[in-house]
Amino acid sequence: MTEREKSYAEMLYQPGDPELAADRDVTVRKLYQYNNMDPLDRDGRRAAIGEILGKTGENCVVEQPLFCTYGYNTTLGDNCFINVNCKLMDSGKITIGNNVFIAPNVCIITEEHAMDVKQRLEGLEYTHPVHIGDNVWICTGALVLPGVTIGANSIIGAGSVVTKDIPPNSLAVGNPCKVIRELTENDQAGRQ
């Protein structure tokens, strides 16, 4: 197996592998160009982000600056909005559904260093995919940790650290992030 295949299989792998290092270098250059584009060149930015990420659906907006590890491991559904300073640590797969709002300073992480100190000192790590369902809103400064699934229609509160799966239709907040209540029809109608 290649190191990339091991990472996708959630096995211990070496991110210092020359092929992976070369891919990261390509992504760094693409991100530098993207992050320094004219912010009002919307068509150019849309085309550039399509060259960075694995898939971008229709009507997606990704604000500058953006950081990602590889880019090609992240897919966006339709009508996604990613605000400034988003970090997509996508050594593993990040799948983002349709109509997802990601606020400023959100970090989505798939990488996890080895627990064994010898392996960690060798630079070995694991990845665990992150899945974000349709119609999710992730508020400012949230951290989404490796292996998490956030169910459709959920809201993650500002500054939350999402360590475990969040079921659909949930309002979840805190560190660690916990469901505080189910979202109801009153929320959908804009009533409190």
C-alpha atoms as a PDB file:
ATOM      1  CA  MET A   1       0.000   0.000   0.000  1.00  0.00           C
ATOM      2  CA  THR A   2       1.103   3.541  -0.599  1.00  0.00           C
ATOM      3  CA  GLU A   3       1.254   5.969   2.311  1.00  0.00           C
ATOM      4  CA  ARG A   4      -1.776   7.776   0.862  1.00  0.00           C
ATOM      5  CA  GLU A   5      -3.735   4.509   0.705  1.00  0.00           C
ATOM      6  CA  LYS A   6      -2.789   3.782   4.312  1.00  0.00           C
ATOM      7  CA  SER A   7      -4.042   7.212   5.349  1.00  0.00           C
ATOM      8  CA  TYR A   8      -7.377   6.657   3.586  1.00  0.00           C
ATOM      9  CA  ALA A   9      -7.654   3.254   5.302  1.00  0.00           C
ATOM     10  CA  GLU A  10      -7.140   4.963   8.711  1.00  0.00           C
ATOM     11  CA  MET A  11      -3.890   3.053   9.203  1.00  0.00           C
ATOM     12  CA  LEU A  12      -0.676   4.420  10.656  1.00  0.00           C
ATOM     13  CA  TYR A  13       1.155   6.150   7.783  1.00  0.00           C
ATOM     14  CA  GLN A  14       4.135   8.402   7.109  1.00  0.00           C
ATOM     15  CA  PRO A  15       3.101  11.920   6.000  1.00  0.00           C
ATOM     16  CA  GLY A  16       6.775  12.632   5.244  1.00  0.00           C
ATOM     17  CA  ASP A  17       6.511  10.281   2.250  1.00  0.00           C
ATOM     18  CA  PRO A  18       8.088  12.064  -0.792  1.00  0.00           C
ATOM     19  CA  GLU A  19       4.921  11.751  -2.904  1.00  0.00           C
ATOM     20  CA  LEU A  20       2.740  13.253  -0.169  1.00  0.00           C
ATOM     21  CA  ALA A  21       5.309  15.979   0.532  1.00  0.00           C
ATOM     22  CA  ALA A  22       5.328  16.896  -3.179  1.00  0.00           C
ATOM     23  CA  ASP A  23       1.512  17.061  -3.191  1.00  0.00           C
ATOM     24  CA  ARG A  24       1.568  19.402  -0.185  1.00  0.00           C
ATOM     25  CA  ASP A  25       4.075  21.647  -1.979  1.00  0.00           C
ATOM     26  CA  VAL A  26       1.738  21.898  -4.979  1.00  0.00           C
ATOM     27  CA  THR A  27      -1.152  22.785  -2.677  1.00  0.00           C
ATOM     28  CA  VAL A  28       0.898  25.442  -0.860  1.00  0.00           C
ATOM     29  CA  ARG A  29       1.602  27.161  -4.175  1.00  0.00           C
ATOM     30  CA  LYS A  30      -2.040  26.988  -5.289  1.00  0.00           C
ATOM     31  CA  LEU A  31      -3.179  28.375  -1.930  1.00  0.00           C
ATOM     32  CA  TYR A  32      -0.653  31.209  -2.124  1.00  0.00           C
ATOM     33  CA  GLN A  33      -2.018  32.181  -5.526  1.00  0.00           C
ATOM     34  CA  TYR A  34      -5.631  31.831  -4.391  1.00  0.00           C
ATOM     35  CA  ASN A  35      -5.180  33.763  -1.164  1.00  0.00           C
ATOM     36  CA  ASN A  36      -3.510  36.616  -3.061  1.00  0.00           C
ATOM     37  CA  MET A  37      -6.108  36.912  -5.841  1.00  0.00           C
ATOM     38  CA  ASP A  38      -8.243  39.994  -6.203  1.00  0.00           C
ATOM     39  CA  PRO A  39     -11.129  39.305  -3.779  1.00  0.00           C
ATOM     40  CA  LEU A  40     -13.570  40.790  -6.295  1.00  0.00           C
ATOM     41  CA  ASP A  41     -12.469  38.433  -9.099  1.00  0.00           C
ATOM     42  CA  ARG A  42     -15.243  36.010  -8.207  1.00  0.00           C
ATOM     43  CA  ASP A  43     -15.051  34.004 -11.444  1.00  0.00           C
ATOM     44  CA  GLY A  44     -11.274  33.640 -11.149  1.00  0.00           C
ATOM     45  CA  ARG A  45     -11.546  32.637  -7.500  1.00  0.00           C
ATOM     46  CA  ARG A  46     -14.261  30.092  -8.290  1.00  0.00           C
ATOM     47  CA  ALA A  47     -12.078  28.530 -10.984  1.00  0.00           C
ATOM     48  CA  ALA A  48      -9.008  28.543  -8.707  1.00  0.00           C
ATOM     49  CA  ILE A  49     -10.803  26.883  -5.791  1.00  0.00           C
ATOM     50  CA  GLY A  50     -12.016  24.223  -8.219  1.00  0.00           C
ATOM     51  CA  GLU A  51      -8.349  23.460  -8.932  1.00  0.00           C
ATOM     52  CA  ILE A  52      -7.548  23.181  -5.205  1.00  0.00           C
ATOM     53  CA  LEU A  53     -10.427  21.183  -3.734  1.00  0.00           C
ATOM     54  CA  GLY A  54     -11.430  17.683  -4.794  1.00  0.00           C
ATOM     55  CA  LYS A  55     -14.949  18.783  -5.711  1.00  0.00           C
ATOM     56  CA  THR A  56     -16.928  21.989  -5.460  1.00  0.00           C
ATOM     57  CA  GLY A  57     -20.643  21.997  -6.075  1.00  0.00           C
ATOM     58  CA  GLU A  58     -22.661  24.769  -7.668  1.00  0.00           C
ATOM     59  CA  ASN A  59     -22.751  28.249  -6.103  1.00  0.00           C
ATOM     60  CA  CYS A  60     -19.956  27.714  -3.582  1.00  0.00           C
ATOM     61  CA  VAL A  61     -18.089  30.640  -2.053  1.00  0.00           C
ATOM     62  CA  VAL A  62     -14.770  30.138  -0.274  1.00  0.00           C
ATOM     63  CA  GLU A  63     -13.427  33.347   1.244  1.00  0.00           C
ATOM     64  CA  GLN A  64      -9.759  34.194   1.529  1.00  0.00           C
ATOM     65  CA  PRO A  65      -7.545  33.244   3.235  1.00  0.00           C
ATOM     66  CA  LEU A  66      -8.008  29.489   3.181  1.00  0.00           C
ATOM     67  CA  PHE A  67      -5.623  26.794   4.351  1.00  0.00           C
ATOM     68  CA  CYS A  68      -5.781  23.105   3.518  1.00  0.00           C
ATOM     69  CA  THR A  69      -3.250  20.297   3.710  1.00  0.00           C
ATOM     70  CA  TYR A  70      -3.923  18.750   0.284  1.00  0.00           C
ATOM     71  CA  GLY A  71      -7.216  20.208  -0.928  1.00  0.00           C
ATOM     72  CA  TYR A  72      -8.009  17.232  -3.118  1.00  0.00           C
ATOM     73  CA  ASN A  73      -9.308  15.326  -0.072  1.00  0.00           C
ATOM     74  CA  THR A  74     -12.078  17.889   0.540  1.00  0.00           C
ATOM     75  CA  THR A  75     -15.402  17.901  -1.294  1.00  0.00           C
ATOM     76  CA  LEU A  76     -18.098  20.569  -1.094  1.00  0.00           C
ATOM     77  CA  GLY A  77     -21.747  20.128  -2.026  1.00  0.00           C
ATOM     78  CA  ASP A  78     -23.873  22.849  -3.615  1.00  0.00           C
ATOM     79  CA  ASN A  79     -24.440  26.299  -2.073  1.00  0.00           C
ATOM     80  CA  CYS A  80     -21.652  26.117   0.507  1.00  0.00           C
ATOM     81  CA  PHE A  81     -20.219  29.232   2.097  1.00  0.00           C
ATOM     82  CA  ILE A  82     -16.848  29.056   3.818  1.00  0.00           C
ATOM     83  CA  ASN A  83     -15.823  32.260   5.556  1.00  0.00           C
ATOM     84  CA  VAL A  84     -12.332  33.676   6.213  1.00  0.00           C
ATOM     85  CA  ASN A  85      -9.461  31.793   7.892  1.00  0.00           C
ATOM     86  CA  CYS A  86     -10.903  28.323   7.434  1.00  0.00           C
ATOM     87  CA  LYS A  87      -8.426  25.498   7.963  1.00  0.00           C
ATOM     88  CA  LEU A  88      -9.161  22.186   6.278  1.00  0.00           C
ATOM     89  CA  MET A  89      -6.610  19.746   7.665  1.00  0.00           C
ATOM     90  CA  ASP A  90      -7.484  17.215   4.995  1.00  0.00           C
ATOM     91  CA  SER A  91      -4.864  14.494   5.069  1.00  0.00           C
ATOM     92  CA  GLY A  92      -7.973  12.324   5.355  1.00  0.00           C
ATOM     93  CA  LYS A  93     -11.283  12.878   3.579  1.00  0.00           C
ATOM     94  CA  ILE A  94     -13.497  15.847   4.470  1.00  0.00           C
ATOM     95  CA  THR A  95     -16.989  15.617   2.977  1.00  0.00           C
ATOM     96  CA  ILE A  96     -19.171  18.715   3.273  1.00  0.00           C
ATOM     97  CA  GLY A  97     -22.798  18.482   2.165  1.00  0.00           C
ATOM     98  CA  ASN A  98     -25.119  20.966   0.469  1.00  0.00           C
ATOM     99  CA  ASN A  99     -26.076  24.355   1.932  1.00  0.00           C
ATOM    100  CA  VAL A 100     -23.385  24.316   4.625  1.00  0.00           C
ATOM    101  CA  PHE A 101     -22.308  27.573   6.285  1.00  0.00           C
ATOM    102  CA  ILE A 102     -18.868  27.648   7.881  1.00  0.00           C
ATOM    103  CA  ALA A 103     -18.123  30.808   9.872  1.00  0.00           C
ATOM    104  CA  PRO A 104     -14.717  32.526  10.297  1.00  0.00           C
ATOM    105  CA  ASN A 105     -11.812  30.739  11.985  1.00  0.00           C
ATOM    106  CA  VAL A 106     -13.250  27.226  11.820  1.00  0.00           C
ATOM    107  CA  CYS A 107     -10.802  24.311  11.748  1.00  0.00           C
ATOM    108  CA  ILE A 108     -11.775  20.860  10.455  1.00  0.00           C
ATOM    109  CA  ILE A 109      -9.118  18.276  11.281  1.00  0.00           C
ATOM    110  CA  THR A 110      -8.663  14.702  10.025  1.00  0.00           C
ATOM    111  CA  GLU A 111      -5.118  14.075  11.305  1.00  0.00           C
ATOM    112  CA  GLU A 112      -4.221  12.450  14.599  1.00  0.00           C
ATOM    113  CA  HIS A 113      -0.655  11.804  15.744  1.00  0.00           C
ATOM    114  CA  ALA A 114       0.305   8.373  17.034  1.00  0.00           C
ATOM    115  CA  MET A 115      -0.180   7.810  20.769  1.00  0.00           C
ATOM    116  CA  ASP A 116       3.005   5.744  21.001  1.00  0.00           C
ATOM    117  CA  VAL A 117       5.875   8.169  21.582  1.00  0.00           C
ATOM    118  CA  LYS A 118       8.325   6.255  19.356  1.00  0.00           C
ATOM    119  CA  GLN A 119       5.881   6.282  16.456  1.00  0.00           C
ATOM    120  CA  ARG A 120       5.077   9.935  17.071  1.00  0.00           C
ATOM    121  CA  LEU A 121       8.773  10.856  17.039  1.00  0.00           C
ATOM    122  CA  GLU A 122       9.056   9.026  13.699  1.00  0.00           C
ATOM    123  CA  GLY A 123       6.369  11.404  12.404  1.00  0.00           C
ATOM    124  CA  LEU A 124       3.707   8.728  11.985  1.00  0.00           C
ATOM    125  CA  GLU A 125       0.033   9.634  12.153  1.00  0.00           C
ATOM    126  CA  TYR A 126      -3.496   8.438  11.399  1.00  0.00           C
ATOM    127  CA  THR A 127      -6.367  10.109   9.602  1.00  0.00           C
ATOM    128  CA  HIS A 128     -10.073   9.738  10.302  1.00  0.00           C
ATOM    129  CA  PRO A 129     -12.607  11.199   7.837  1.00  0.00           C
ATOM    130  CA  VAL A 130     -14.966  14.029   8.757  1.00  0.00           C
ATOM    131  CA  HIS A 131     -18.509  14.170   7.361  1.00  0.00           C
ATOM    132  CA  ILE A 132     -20.681  17.274   7.552  1.00  0.00           C
ATOM    133  CA  GLY A 133     -24.301  16.783   6.505  1.00  0.00           C
ATOM    134  CA  ASP A 134     -26.553  19.041   4.476  1.00  0.00           C
ATOM    135  CA  ASN A 135     -27.773  22.370   5.887  1.00  0.00           C
ATOM    136  CA  VAL A 136     -25.250  22.498   8.743  1.00  0.00           C
ATOM    137  CA  TRP A 137     -24.069  25.791  10.247  1.00  0.00           C
ATOM    138  CA  ILE A 138     -20.704  25.709  12.015  1.00  0.00           C
ATOM    139  CA  CYS A 139     -20.266  28.932  13.974  1.00  0.00           C
ATOM    140  CA  THR A 140     -17.135  31.034  14.506  1.00  0.00           C
ATOM    141  CA  GLY A 141     -14.022  29.442  15.934  1.00  0.00           C
ATOM    142  CA  ALA A 142     -15.317  25.879  16.154  1.00  0.00           C
ATOM    143  CA  LEU A 143     -12.922  22.930  15.966  1.00  0.00           C
ATOM    144  CA  VAL A 144     -14.148  19.721  14.350  1.00  0.00           C
ATOM    145  CA  LEU A 145     -11.860  16.838  15.336  1.00  0.00           C
ATOM    146  CA  PRO A 146     -10.916  13.663  13.430  1.00  0.00           C
ATOM    147  CA  GLY A 147     -13.579  11.060  12.718  1.00  0.00           C
ATOM    148  CA  VAL A 148     -16.572  13.259  13.527  1.00  0.00           C
ATOM    149  CA  THR A 149     -19.888  13.214  11.660  1.00  0.00           C
ATOM    150  CA  ILE A 150     -22.200  16.210  12.041  1.00  0.00           C
ATOM    151  CA  GLY A 151     -25.763  15.298  11.094  1.00  0.00           C
ATOM    152  CA  ALA A 152     -27.924  17.247   8.669  1.00  0.00           C
ATOM    153  CA  ASN A 153     -29.593  20.490   9.748  1.00  0.00           C
ATOM    154  CA  SER A 154     -27.456  20.855  12.883  1.00  0.00           C
ATOM    155  CA  ILE A 155     -25.854  23.979  14.328  1.00  0.00           C
ATOM    156  CA  ILE A 156     -22.479  23.928  16.083  1.00  0.00           C
ATOM    157  CA  GLY A 157     -22.078  26.874  18.483  1.00  0.00           C
ATOM    158  CA  ALA A 158     -19.200  29.351  18.368  1.00  0.00           C
ATOM    159  CA  GLY A 159     -15.968  28.135  19.934  1.00  0.00           C
ATOM    160  CA  SER A 160     -17.173  24.549  20.252  1.00  0.00           C
ATOM    161  CA  VAL A 161     -14.762  21.604  20.151  1.00  0.00           C
ATOM    162  CA  VAL A 162     -16.566  18.765  18.384  1.00  0.00           C
ATOM    163  CA  THR A 163     -15.031  15.519  19.630  1.00  0.00           C
ATOM    164  CA  LYS A 164     -17.940  13.124  18.958  1.00  0.00           C
ATOM    165  CA  ASP A 165     -20.673  12.677  16.362  1.00  0.00           C
ATOM    166  CA  ILE A 166     -23.588  15.115  16.473  1.00  0.00           C
ATOM    167  CA  PRO A 167     -26.991  13.723  15.435  1.00  0.00           C
ATOM    168  CA  PRO A 168     -29.160  15.469  12.828  1.00  0.00           C
ATOM    169  CA  ASN A 169     -31.331  18.437  13.803  1.00  0.00           C
ATOM    170  CA  SER A 170     -29.251  19.305  16.865  1.00  0.00           C
ATOM    171  CA  LEU A 171     -28.081  22.507  18.496  1.00  0.00           C
ATOM    172  CA  ALA A 172     -24.714  21.579  19.989  1.00  0.00           C
ATOM    173  CA  VAL A 173     -22.248  23.782  21.870  1.00  0.00           C
ATOM    174  CA  GLY A 174     -19.303  23.715  24.243  1.00  0.00           C
ATOM    175  CA  ASN A 175     -15.961  22.099  24.936  1.00  0.00           C
ATOM    176  CA  PRO A 176     -16.473  19.259  24.516  1.00  0.00           C
ATOM    177  CA  CYS A 177     -19.391  19.981  22.202  1.00  0.00           C
ATOM    178  CA  LYS A 178     -22.668  18.508  23.458  1.00  0.00           C
ATOM    179  CA  VAL A 179     -26.215  18.554  22.145  1.00  0.00           C
ATOM    180  CA  ILE A 180     -28.231  20.984  24.227  1.00  0.00           C
ATOM    181  CA  ARG A 181     -31.492  20.473  22.389  1.00  0.00           C
ATOM    182  CA  GLU A 182     -33.125  19.290  19.208  1.00  0.00           C
ATOM    183  CA  LEU A 183     -33.937  21.930  16.625  1.00  0.00           C
ATOM    184  CA  THR A 184     -37.703  22.205  16.139  1.00  0.00           C
ATOM    185  CA  GLU A 185     -40.218  23.644  13.698  1.00  0.00           C
ATOM    186  CA  ASN A 186     -40.209  26.842  15.784  1.00  0.00           C
ATOM    187  CA  ASP A 187     -36.492  27.247  14.968  1.00  0.00           C
ATOM    188  CA  GLN A 188     -37.206  26.663  11.285  1.00  0.00           C
ATOM    189  CA  ALA A 189     -39.882  29.352  11.342  1.00  0.00           C
ATOM    190  CA  GLY A 190     -37.493  31.822  13.012  1.00  0.00           C
ATOM    191  CA  ARG A 191     -39.270  31.776  16.367  1.00  0.00           C
ATOM    192  CA  GLN A 192     -37.552  31.209  19.705  1.00  0.00           C
END
